[in-house]
Amino acid sequence: MCLVVLILLPLRSIALRVVKRLIQLTPSNRKVNVEHMDRFTDDFGGGEAEDNDDGALTENVPALTQKSSKPSDYHALFDGNNDDHFMIGIKFTRRSIRLYSDFYTSDMIVASPLGLTTKIGEADSEKEKDVDYLSSIEVLIVDHADVIAMQNWSLVDEVVQRLNQLPSKQHGTDIMRIRHWYLDEYARFYRQSIILGYYLNPDINALFNHQFINYKGKVKLVCDYKGVLPKVVLQVKQIYQRFDAKSIEEANDARFEYFTQKVFPKIKDSVQGGIMLFASSYFEYVRIRNFLKSQNASFCLLGDYTKQSDISRSRVWFFEGRRKIMLYTERAHFYHRYKIRGIQNLIIYSLPERKEFYPEIVNMLNGSDIMTCTVLFSKFDQLRLERIVGSLASKRMVTSEKGVFVFS
């Protein structure tokens, strides 16, 4: 088996751009034939239907020609083929670049975490199949890690754990040419691993700290953030309330306890309604939903798996005041960028991972007579907090004796 580069990407449209760029980088003095390029363009090009603000389905068209209120970063990511299940092998020879090559003879594999874990699952369920080609990965690149985190990061962990294991079969390999450290199961210490993303989060840090273990060492780029508060165009008072948590394992329970005991009693008897609860994760969404049900609260849902018909109905009910509380998730906002009307009181149960979402959500208070915004955070939210309020302010907020901070 030859040296193989594995590139993990979240969407087919991104894979299309990456492969085309690799072809463009081929030395110009070589006349290279690209095999199966038409098939590749058909499979990875084109656009899927997307939801627009009024719930209708429209075909993806270039951002410059499509009339949409969605921000430019949304079009940059989603204008194209948004399928997240793919896997393709690429073979480089002197005269050609062969797309759709067999994985055991490929020099490069471009795949989504979902596509590769599906292949691993098929191999585990059927004895005649295997994924021994993952044993020879010498370069791993996880690109657009922040987008993959919005999909399902556990799939990345599963893929990385399957790399550089001893193969189950010989696959025509010349045993005399295999390096001894491969046979001694030290290959993972020689693998070069690169992770690229828009931001850091605990999952990415855990992968970097525990799975990226090259014997030559490793490097992490750490950024100083200025924050995105200036992008909030409304004159709205943003009240940050810090709750105490002894450890990161207890942070979720501490957040929920603070919300149920300190925040919810102030809003449960609200007459005017217009309360939007924003939760970053689906786990938090389910927990709050179940709590609201137990309190017989007047609420509606806009989450990751809410049906389109229910979404349209919920938005109307909330705007008309027939439901007092709207529960909204970051993942739903990531994929759809809905504009929620009728918000009077915004409660950010957990800060968004993507910093640009914060001003987008707070600016939805536009048109409200009484604009209030409450944000819950703990010292374990510093990675998210610094991207929103700035690195210097976040350090002060997590260490200060004060527990309440106000921005306007």
Protein backbone atom coordinates (compact mmCIF):
# COMPACT_ATOMS: atom_id res chain seq x y z
CA MET A 1 0.00 0.00 0.00
CA CYS A 2 1.23 3.48 -0.92
CA LEU A 3 1.31 6.71 1.01
CA VAL A 4 -2.20 8.10 1.28
CA VAL A 5 -3.44 11.56 2.13
CA LEU A 6 -6.89 11.70 3.73
CA ILE A 7 -8.84 14.96 3.46
CA LEU A 8 -12.06 15.24 5.49
CA LEU A 9 -14.52 17.85 4.22
CA PRO A 10 -18.13 18.63 5.19
CA LEU A 11 -19.89 19.19 1.82
CA ARG A 12 -19.63 18.07 -1.80
CA SER A 13 -19.41 21.68 -2.98
CA ILE A 14 -16.28 22.19 -0.86
CA ALA A 15 -14.80 18.90 -2.13
CA LEU A 16 -15.39 20.14 -5.68
CA ARG A 17 -13.42 23.32 -5.00
CA VAL A 18 -10.59 21.42 -3.28
CA VAL A 19 -10.13 18.88 -6.08
CA LYS A 20 -10.27 21.56 -8.76
CA ARG A 21 -7.64 23.54 -6.91
CA LEU A 22 -5.41 20.45 -6.68
CA ILE A 23 -5.73 20.00 -10.44
CA GLN A 24 -4.86 23.68 -11.00
CA LEU A 25 -1.74 23.26 -8.85
CA THR A 26 -0.41 20.55 -11.15
CA PRO A 27 2.86 21.84 -12.69
CA SER A 28 2.07 23.73 -15.89
CA ASN A 29 4.93 22.08 -17.79
CA ARG A 30 3.14 18.73 -17.60
CA LYS A 31 0.24 17.80 -19.85
CA VAL A 32 -1.96 15.93 -17.44
CA ASN A 33 -5.14 14.11 -18.40
CA VAL A 34 -7.85 14.16 -15.74
CA GLU A 35 -9.89 10.98 -15.96
CA HIS A 36 -13.63 10.95 -15.13
CA MET A 37 -13.77 14.72 -14.67
CA ASP A 38 -17.24 14.95 -16.23
CA ARG A 39 -18.58 12.33 -13.84
CA PHE A 40 -16.98 14.14 -10.92
CA THR A 41 -18.50 17.48 -11.92
CA ASP A 42 -21.94 15.89 -12.23
CA ASP A 43 -21.64 14.18 -8.85
CA PHE A 44 -20.20 17.09 -6.89
CA GLY A 45 -21.45 20.13 -8.78
CA GLY A 46 -24.94 21.52 -9.11
CA GLY A 47 -27.15 22.68 -6.27
CA GLU A 48 -29.67 21.25 -3.91
CA ALA A 49 -32.94 22.94 -3.01
CA GLU A 50 -32.75 25.19 0.01
CA ASP A 51 -35.26 26.80 2.36
CA ASN A 52 -35.68 30.50 2.08
CA ASP A 53 -37.10 32.81 4.71
CA ASP A 54 -40.76 32.20 3.89
CA GLY A 55 -40.39 28.42 3.93
CA ALA A 56 -40.55 27.98 0.15
CA LEU A 57 -38.05 25.84 -1.72
CA THR A 58 -35.79 27.51 -4.26
CA GLU A 59 -32.94 26.21 -6.35
CA ASN A 60 -29.46 27.35 -5.38
CA VAL A 61 -28.12 30.03 -7.70
CA PRO A 62 -25.00 32.18 -7.39
CA ALA A 63 -25.16 34.66 -4.55
CA LEU A 64 -24.75 37.64 -6.87
CA THR A 65 -27.91 36.80 -8.84
CA GLN A 66 -30.15 35.44 -6.10
CA LYS A 67 -32.29 37.93 -4.23
CA SER A 68 -32.00 36.83 -0.63
CA SER A 69 -31.69 38.44 2.77
CA LYS A 70 -29.31 35.72 3.91
CA PRO A 71 -25.75 36.92 4.69
CA SER A 72 -22.84 36.47 2.32
CA ASP A 73 -21.14 33.79 4.45
CA TYR A 74 -24.27 31.65 4.11
CA HIS A 75 -24.09 31.84 0.31
CA ALA A 76 -20.35 31.16 0.33
CA LEU A 77 -20.97 27.92 2.20
CA PHE A 78 -24.29 26.67 0.86
CA ASP A 79 -24.47 27.85 -2.76
CA GLY A 80 -23.71 24.50 -4.33
CA ASN A 81 -24.15 20.80 -3.67
CA ASN A 82 -24.83 20.50 0.07
CA ASP A 83 -24.77 16.70 0.28
CA ASP A 84 -22.60 15.52 3.20
CA HIS A 85 -22.24 11.85 2.21
CA PHE A 86 -19.37 11.21 -0.21
CA MET A 87 -16.02 9.49 -0.63
CA ILE A 88 -13.68 9.48 -3.60
CA GLY A 89 -10.18 8.14 -4.31
CA ILE A 90 -7.63 10.02 -6.44
CA LYS A 91 -4.57 8.48 -8.12
CA PHE A 92 -1.70 10.59 -9.48
CA THR A 93 0.50 9.26 -12.29
CA ARG A 94 3.03 10.92 -14.61
CA ARG A 95 0.46 11.55 -17.32
CA SER A 96 -2.90 11.56 -15.56
CA ILE A 97 -4.97 12.25 -12.50
CA ARG A 98 -7.42 9.41 -12.05
CA LEU A 99 -10.60 10.28 -10.14
CA TYR A 100 -12.70 7.48 -8.61
CA SER A 101 -9.65 5.23 -8.28
CA ASP A 102 -9.69 2.19 -6.03
CA PHE A 103 -8.97 3.18 -2.44
CA TYR A 104 -6.10 0.69 -2.11
CA THR A 105 -4.24 2.23 -5.05
CA SER A 106 -5.20 5.86 -4.38
CA ASP A 107 -2.71 8.50 -3.35
CA MET A 108 -5.45 10.65 -1.87
CA ILE A 109 -8.88 10.06 -0.41
CA VAL A 110 -11.36 12.94 -0.17
CA ALA A 111 -14.34 12.12 2.01
CA SER A 112 -16.91 13.46 4.41
CA PRO A 113 -16.89 12.07 7.96
CA LEU A 114 -20.37 10.66 7.33
CA GLY A 115 -19.36 8.98 4.08
CA LEU A 116 -16.26 7.40 5.61
CA THR A 117 -17.95 6.21 8.80
CA THR A 118 -20.69 4.66 6.68
CA LYS A 119 -17.99 2.75 4.80
CA ILE A 120 -16.44 1.70 8.13
CA GLY A 121 -19.83 0.51 9.35
CA GLU A 122 -20.33 -1.58 6.22
CA ALA A 123 -16.91 -3.13 6.72
CA ASP A 124 -17.68 -3.99 10.33
CA SER A 125 -20.98 -5.66 9.41
CA GLU A 126 -19.67 -7.66 6.44
CA LYS A 127 -16.53 -9.76 6.90
CA GLU A 128 -15.57 -9.72 3.24
CA LYS A 129 -15.24 -5.94 3.29
CA ASP A 130 -12.54 -3.99 5.05
CA VAL A 131 -11.04 -0.53 5.38
CA ASP A 132 -7.38 -1.49 5.56
CA TYR A 133 -6.53 1.43 3.26
CA LEU A 134 -6.90 3.62 6.37
CA SER A 135 -3.87 1.89 7.87
CA SER A 136 -1.51 3.67 5.46
CA ILE A 137 -2.71 7.26 6.03
CA GLU A 138 0.38 9.42 6.50
CA VAL A 139 -1.24 12.84 6.15
CA LEU A 140 -4.63 13.71 7.65
CA ILE A 141 -6.30 17.04 6.87
CA VAL A 142 -9.56 18.03 8.58
CA ASP A 143 -10.71 21.15 6.74
CA HIS A 144 -13.70 23.37 7.62
CA ALA A 145 -13.69 21.79 11.07
CA ASP A 146 -16.19 24.39 12.31
CA VAL A 147 -18.71 23.29 9.68
CA ILE A 148 -18.15 19.61 10.49
CA ALA A 149 -18.79 20.48 14.15
CA MET A 150 -22.26 21.69 13.11
CA GLN A 151 -22.89 18.30 11.49
CA ASN A 152 -21.67 15.60 13.88
CA TRP A 153 -18.19 15.84 15.36
CA SER A 154 -18.30 12.33 16.85
CA LEU A 155 -17.89 10.97 13.30
CA VAL A 156 -14.47 12.65 13.08
CA ASP A 157 -13.41 11.02 16.34
CA GLU A 158 -14.54 7.64 14.99
CA VAL A 159 -12.58 8.07 11.77
CA VAL A 160 -9.36 9.17 13.52
CA GLN A 161 -9.51 6.20 15.88
CA ARG A 162 -9.56 3.84 12.87
CA LEU A 163 -6.46 5.31 11.24
CA ASN A 164 -3.07 3.55 11.19
CA GLN A 165 -4.25 0.23 12.59
CA LEU A 166 -2.59 -2.98 11.47
CA PRO A 167 -4.28 -4.26 8.28
CA SER A 168 -6.25 -7.48 8.39
CA LYS A 169 -4.98 -8.66 4.98
CA GLN A 170 -1.80 -8.27 2.91
CA HIS A 171 -3.51 -6.73 -0.16
CA GLY A 172 -0.53 -7.54 -2.37
CA THR A 173 1.88 -5.50 -0.26
CA ASP A 174 5.58 -6.34 -0.37
CA ILE A 175 6.30 -7.15 3.29
CA MET A 176 9.99 -6.39 2.84
CA ARG A 177 9.17 -2.74 2.03
CA ILE A 178 7.07 -2.05 5.12
CA ARG A 179 8.73 0.14 7.72
CA HIS A 180 9.25 -1.55 11.08
CA TRP A 181 7.51 1.20 13.01
CA TYR A 182 4.33 0.43 11.05
CA LEU A 183 4.44 -3.18 12.21
CA ASP A 184 5.13 -2.00 15.75
CA GLU A 185 1.91 0.10 15.58
CA TYR A 186 3.77 3.40 15.83
CA ALA A 187 2.39 4.79 12.56
CA ARG A 188 0.11 7.27 14.33
CA PHE A 189 3.19 8.93 15.83
CA TYR A 190 4.55 9.57 12.32
CA ARG A 191 1.26 10.72 10.77
CA GLN A 192 1.10 14.43 9.97
CA SER A 193 -2.29 15.77 11.09
CA ILE A 194 -3.66 19.19 10.19
CA ILE A 195 -6.93 20.67 11.37
CA LEU A 196 -8.27 23.89 9.86
CA GLY A 197 -11.29 25.77 11.11
CA TYR A 198 -12.87 29.14 11.76
CA TYR A 199 -12.63 28.75 15.54
CA LEU A 200 -11.66 26.42 18.38
CA ASN A 201 -14.09 24.51 20.55
CA PRO A 202 -13.65 21.79 23.22
CA ASP A 203 -14.17 18.98 20.67
CA ILE A 204 -11.47 20.33 18.36
CA ASN A 205 -9.14 20.89 21.31
CA ALA A 206 -9.75 17.31 22.52
CA LEU A 207 -8.85 15.92 19.08
CA PHE A 208 -5.72 18.07 18.96
CA ASN A 209 -4.62 17.17 22.49
CA HIS A 210 -5.31 13.43 22.48
CA GLN A 211 -5.21 12.19 18.86
CA PHE A 212 -2.60 14.43 17.23
CA ILE A 213 0.54 12.92 18.74
CA ASN A 214 3.31 13.21 16.15
CA TYR A 215 6.70 12.54 17.74
CA LYS A 216 8.08 15.79 16.27
CA GLY A 217 5.58 17.83 18.28
CA LYS A 218 2.65 20.03 17.31
CA VAL A 219 1.66 23.67 16.87
CA LYS A 220 -1.58 25.49 17.58
CA LEU A 221 -2.48 28.95 16.30
CA VAL A 222 -4.21 30.99 19.01
CA CYS A 223 -6.00 34.21 18.06
CA ASP A 224 -6.86 37.38 19.93
CA TYR A 225 -10.45 38.43 19.23
CA LYS A 226 -11.86 41.95 19.19
CA GLY A 227 -15.43 40.71 19.52
CA VAL A 228 -18.56 41.32 17.47
CA LEU A 229 -20.52 43.59 19.82
CA PRO A 230 -20.11 46.60 17.47
CA LYS A 231 -22.14 44.67 14.89
CA VAL A 232 -25.21 44.87 17.13
CA VAL A 233 -26.87 47.89 15.50
CA LEU A 234 -29.72 48.23 17.99
CA GLN A 235 -29.52 50.17 21.24
CA VAL A 236 -30.25 47.12 23.34
CA LYS A 237 -28.93 46.42 26.82
CA GLN A 238 -27.15 43.07 26.84
CA ILE A 239 -26.94 41.63 30.34
CA TYR A 240 -24.41 38.81 30.83
CA GLN A 241 -25.10 36.70 33.91
CA ARG A 242 -22.39 34.32 35.10
CA PHE A 243 -23.31 31.12 36.89
CA ASP A 244 -20.89 29.00 38.90
CA ALA A 245 -19.81 25.51 37.82
CA LYS A 246 -17.16 23.45 39.58
CA SER A 247 -16.09 21.49 36.51
CA ILE A 248 -16.82 21.25 32.82
CA GLU A 249 -18.71 18.01 33.48
CA GLU A 250 -21.08 19.84 35.83
CA ALA A 251 -21.45 22.94 33.65
CA ASN A 252 -24.55 21.71 31.79
CA ASP A 253 -26.40 20.88 35.00
CA ALA A 254 -25.34 24.16 36.59
CA ARG A 255 -26.59 26.12 33.58
CA PHE A 256 -29.94 24.33 33.63
CA GLU A 257 -30.33 24.86 37.37
CA TYR A 258 -29.55 28.57 37.04
CA PHE A 259 -32.09 28.93 34.23
CA THR A 260 -34.89 27.10 36.03
CA GLN A 261 -34.36 28.84 39.36
CA LYS A 262 -33.20 32.34 38.40
CA VAL A 263 -34.40 33.08 34.89
CA PHE A 264 -37.57 31.13 34.14
CA PRO A 265 -39.54 32.37 37.21
CA LYS A 266 -39.23 35.91 35.80
CA ILE A 267 -40.69 35.00 32.40
CA LYS A 268 -43.18 32.19 33.04
CA ASP A 269 -46.05 34.61 33.77
CA SER A 270 -45.16 37.01 30.97
CA VAL A 271 -48.23 38.66 29.50
CA GLN A 272 -46.76 40.25 26.39
CA GLY A 273 -44.77 37.13 25.38
CA GLY A 274 -42.23 37.54 22.59
CA ILE A 275 -39.59 35.59 24.51
CA MET A 276 -37.03 33.74 22.41
CA LEU A 277 -34.78 31.15 24.04
CA PHE A 278 -31.63 30.43 22.06
CA ALA A 279 -29.77 27.17 22.79
CA SER A 280 -26.50 26.21 21.16
CA SER A 281 -26.78 22.41 21.30
CA TYR A 282 -29.53 19.92 20.58
CA PHE A 283 -29.02 18.38 24.01
CA GLU A 284 -29.83 21.73 25.63
CA TYR A 285 -32.78 22.18 23.28
CA VAL A 286 -34.33 18.85 24.32
CA ARG A 287 -33.73 19.54 28.00
CA ILE A 288 -35.40 22.97 27.87
CA ARG A 289 -38.27 21.62 25.75
CA ASN A 290 -39.02 18.93 28.30
CA PHE A 291 -38.86 21.48 31.12
CA LEU A 292 -41.25 23.85 29.36
CA LYS A 293 -43.67 20.97 28.84
CA SER A 294 -43.52 20.11 32.54
CA GLN A 295 -44.36 23.75 33.36
CA ASN A 296 -47.29 23.85 30.91
CA ALA A 297 -45.63 26.87 29.31
CA SER A 298 -46.96 28.48 26.14
CA PHE A 299 -44.14 27.77 23.68
CA CYS A 300 -43.30 26.71 20.15
CA LEU A 301 -40.25 25.02 18.65
CA LEU A 302 -37.78 25.75 15.88
CA GLY A 303 -35.10 23.11 16.15
CA ASP A 304 -32.81 20.83 14.17
CA TYR A 305 -35.46 18.29 13.22
CA THR A 306 -38.63 20.40 13.20
CA LYS A 307 -40.75 19.78 10.10
CA GLN A 308 -41.10 22.66 7.64
CA SER A 309 -44.88 22.85 8.16
CA ASP A 310 -44.39 23.05 11.93
CA ILE A 311 -41.72 25.73 11.51
CA SER A 312 -44.01 27.97 9.46
CA ARG A 313 -46.82 27.48 11.96
CA SER A 314 -44.57 28.21 14.93
CA ARG A 315 -43.26 31.42 13.42
CA VAL A 316 -46.80 32.68 12.81
CA TRP A 317 -47.98 31.70 16.29
CA PHE A 318 -45.02 33.43 17.89
CA PHE A 319 -45.39 36.62 15.85
CA GLU A 320 -49.12 36.82 16.59
CA GLY A 321 -48.54 36.19 20.31
CA ARG A 322 -50.43 32.88 20.37
CA ARG A 323 -47.27 31.29 21.78
CA LYS A 324 -45.28 33.25 24.37
CA ILE A 325 -41.93 31.47 24.02
CA MET A 326 -39.92 30.42 20.96
CA LEU A 327 -37.17 27.81 21.48
CA TYR A 328 -34.51 28.16 18.75
CA THR A 329 -31.24 26.27 18.15
CA GLU A 330 -27.93 27.30 16.65
CA ARG A 331 -27.94 24.40 14.21
CA ALA A 332 -31.33 25.46 12.83
CA HIS A 333 -29.97 28.98 12.38
CA PHE A 334 -26.81 27.64 10.76
CA TYR A 335 -28.70 25.76 8.05
CA HIS A 336 -31.58 28.19 7.47
CA ARG A 337 -30.83 31.66 8.91
CA TYR A 338 -34.47 32.29 9.74
CA LYS A 339 -35.63 35.81 10.56
CA ILE A 340 -37.82 35.53 13.64
CA ARG A 341 -40.31 38.37 14.05
CA GLY A 342 -42.03 39.38 17.24
CA ILE A 343 -39.10 39.04 19.67
CA GLN A 344 -39.39 41.30 22.73
CA ASN A 345 -37.07 39.50 25.14
CA LEU A 346 -34.08 37.47 24.00
CA ILE A 347 -32.56 34.93 26.38
CA ILE A 348 -29.35 33.29 25.17
CA TYR A 349 -29.24 30.09 27.21
CA SER A 350 -25.82 29.24 25.74
CA LEU A 351 -23.63 31.37 23.50
CA PRO A 352 -23.38 30.37 19.83
CA GLU A 353 -20.20 28.73 18.58
CA ARG A 354 -20.14 30.91 15.48
CA LYS A 355 -19.55 34.51 16.51
CA GLU A 356 -21.43 36.04 13.57
CA PHE A 357 -24.64 34.47 14.84
CA TYR A 358 -24.66 36.62 17.96
CA PRO A 359 -25.29 40.00 16.25
CA GLU A 360 -27.65 38.33 13.77
CA ILE A 361 -29.82 37.02 16.58
CA VAL A 362 -29.68 40.13 18.76
CA ASN A 363 -30.55 42.32 15.78
CA MET A 364 -33.79 40.33 15.40
CA LEU A 365 -35.08 42.50 18.25
CA ASN A 366 -35.57 45.20 15.63
CA GLY A 367 -39.11 46.59 15.90
CA SER A 368 -39.48 45.70 19.56
CA ASP A 369 -40.73 48.38 21.92
CA ILE A 370 -39.04 46.83 24.95
CA MET A 371 -35.74 45.27 23.91
CA THR A 372 -33.95 43.10 26.45
CA CYS A 373 -31.18 40.53 26.02
CA THR A 374 -29.95 38.17 28.74
CA VAL A 375 -26.93 35.91 28.24
CA LEU A 376 -25.94 33.02 30.52
CA PHE A 377 -22.31 31.96 30.72
CA SER A 378 -19.72 30.31 32.96
CA LYS A 379 -15.94 30.29 33.03
CA PHE A 380 -16.02 27.16 30.86
CA ASP A 381 -17.59 29.20 28.02
CA GLN A 382 -14.51 31.37 27.54
CA LEU A 383 -13.72 30.09 24.04
CA ARG A 384 -17.14 31.22 22.83
CA LEU A 385 -17.23 34.29 25.04
CA GLU A 386 -13.96 35.74 23.73
CA ARG A 387 -15.13 35.53 20.13
CA ILE A 388 -18.17 37.64 21.00
CA VAL A 389 -17.05 40.19 23.61
CA GLY A 390 -13.32 40.12 22.82
CA SER A 391 -10.37 38.32 24.39
CA LEU A 392 -9.57 40.98 27.01
CA ALA A 393 -13.17 41.42 28.15
CA SER A 394 -13.76 37.67 28.36
CA LYS A 395 -10.78 37.15 30.69
CA ARG A 396 -12.12 39.87 32.99
CA MET A 397 -15.64 38.41 32.93
CA VAL A 398 -14.62 34.89 33.95
CA THR A 399 -12.25 35.99 36.73
CA SER A 400 -14.00 39.05 38.19
CA GLU A 401 -15.79 38.86 41.52
CA LYS A 402 -18.78 40.44 39.82
CA GLY A 403 -21.28 38.05 38.28
CA VAL A 404 -23.26 40.47 36.08
CA PHE A 405 -21.89 42.49 33.14
CA VAL A 406 -23.77 44.93 30.92
CA PHE A 407 -23.06 45.96 27.33
CA SER A 408 -25.09 48.41 25.31
